[in-house]
């Protein structure tokens, strides 16, 4: 077991996690992706903060300002984005 800041890092998975992964492998790909997003969300709570460069920070601020103004991408714009970058849209 390795030591991190305030928590231990275990080099093997728990039995419960192993069982969960086995079950998730049997699910359709979209459900597997949803499970992966949840696991990554939990794992990200243990990671270091991301340091943004000035350009990225400005883009984030502009996006937040646009959202406050109620300016959002249309469904058509999002579909074009997903297609352009090969991203599969998440189906709720």
Protein backbone atom coordinates (compact mmCIF):
# COMPACT_ATOMS: atom_id res chain seq x y z
CA UNK A 1 0.00 0.00 0.00
CA UNK A 2 1.37 3.42 -0.98
CA UNK A 3 0.76 6.56 0.98
CA UNK A 4 -0.89 9.64 -0.50
CA UNK A 5 -1.85 12.92 1.07
CA UNK A 6 -4.34 11.95 3.76
CA UNK A 7 -5.36 8.65 2.16
CA UNK A 8 -3.90 5.30 1.20
CA UNK A 9 -3.51 4.10 -2.37
CA UNK A 10 -4.32 0.41 -2.68
CA UNK A 11 -2.68 -1.39 -5.60
CA UNK A 12 -5.45 -3.99 -5.95
CA UNK A 13 -9.19 -3.62 -6.35
CA UNK A 14 -11.57 -4.54 -3.58
CA UNK A 15 -13.72 -7.63 -4.07
CA UNK A 16 -16.82 -5.43 -4.38
CA UNK A 17 -15.23 -3.34 -7.14
CA UNK A 18 -14.05 -6.46 -8.99
CA UNK A 19 -17.59 -7.90 -8.83
CA UNK A 20 -19.08 -4.61 -10.03
CA UNK A 21 -16.65 -4.43 -12.98
CA UNK A 22 -17.54 -8.00 -13.98
CA UNK A 23 -21.24 -7.12 -13.99
CA UNK A 24 -20.73 -3.84 -15.86
CA UNK A 25 -18.83 -5.71 -18.60
CA UNK A 26 -22.08 -7.54 -19.38
CA UNK A 27 -24.04 -4.31 -19.95
CA UNK A 28 -24.58 -2.52 -23.27
CA UNK A 29 -21.84 -0.05 -24.22
CA UNK A 30 -23.92 3.02 -23.35
CA UNK A 31 -24.49 1.68 -19.81
CA UNK A 32 -20.79 0.84 -19.51
CA UNK A 33 -19.96 4.42 -20.49
CA UNK A 34 -22.35 5.74 -17.83
CA UNK A 35 -20.73 3.51 -15.18
CA UNK A 36 -17.28 4.67 -16.30
CA UNK A 37 -18.33 8.31 -15.99
CA UNK A 38 -19.48 7.67 -12.42
CA UNK A 39 -16.21 5.92 -11.49
CA UNK A 40 -14.14 8.69 -13.06
CA UNK A 41 -16.15 11.27 -11.14
CA UNK A 42 -15.36 9.49 -7.86
CA UNK A 43 -11.69 9.08 -8.82
CA UNK A 44 -11.37 12.75 -9.78
CA UNK A 45 -12.13 13.78 -6.20
CA UNK A 46 -8.71 12.40 -5.28
CA UNK A 47 -6.73 14.14 -8.01
CA UNK A 48 -4.84 17.40 -7.98
CA UNK A 49 -6.57 20.54 -9.20
CA UNK A 50 -6.15 21.29 -12.88
CA UNK A 51 -4.18 24.46 -13.53
CA UNK A 52 -5.56 26.40 -16.50
CA UNK A 53 -3.54 28.66 -18.77
CA UNK A 54 -4.79 32.21 -19.34
CA UNK A 55 -6.39 31.38 -22.70
CA UNK A 56 -8.36 28.44 -21.29
CA UNK A 57 -9.36 30.41 -18.20
CA UNK A 58 -10.69 33.23 -20.45
CA UNK A 59 -12.64 30.71 -22.55
CA UNK A 60 -14.21 29.21 -19.42
CA UNK A 61 -15.17 32.66 -18.15
CA UNK A 62 -16.74 33.55 -21.51
CA UNK A 63 -18.68 30.27 -21.50
CA UNK A 64 -19.97 30.96 -18.02
CA UNK A 65 -20.98 34.51 -19.01
CA UNK A 66 -22.81 33.16 -22.08
CA UNK A 67 -24.67 30.66 -19.89
CA UNK A 68 -25.71 33.43 -17.49
CA UNK A 69 -27.10 35.30 -20.52
CA UNK A 70 -29.03 32.17 -21.51
CA UNK A 71 -26.93 31.57 -24.63
CA UNK A 72 -26.60 27.83 -25.18
CA UNK A 73 -25.67 25.69 -28.18
CA UNK A 74 -28.64 24.36 -30.14
CA UNK A 75 -29.27 20.63 -30.54
CA UNK A 76 -28.07 20.94 -34.14
CA UNK A 77 -24.82 22.63 -33.07
CA UNK A 78 -24.20 19.93 -30.48
CA UNK A 79 -24.90 17.17 -33.03
CA UNK A 80 -22.36 18.77 -35.39
CA UNK A 81 -19.82 18.97 -32.54
CA UNK A 82 -20.32 15.30 -31.65
CA UNK A 83 -19.94 14.29 -35.29
CA UNK A 84 -16.86 16.47 -35.87
CA UNK A 85 -14.99 15.10 -32.87
CA UNK A 86 -16.28 11.52 -32.97
CA UNK A 87 -18.01 11.83 -29.61
CA UNK A 88 -20.98 9.60 -28.94
CA UNK A 89 -23.72 11.69 -27.30
CA UNK A 90 -24.86 10.38 -23.91
CA UNK A 91 -28.43 9.13 -23.98
CA UNK A 92 -30.32 9.89 -20.79
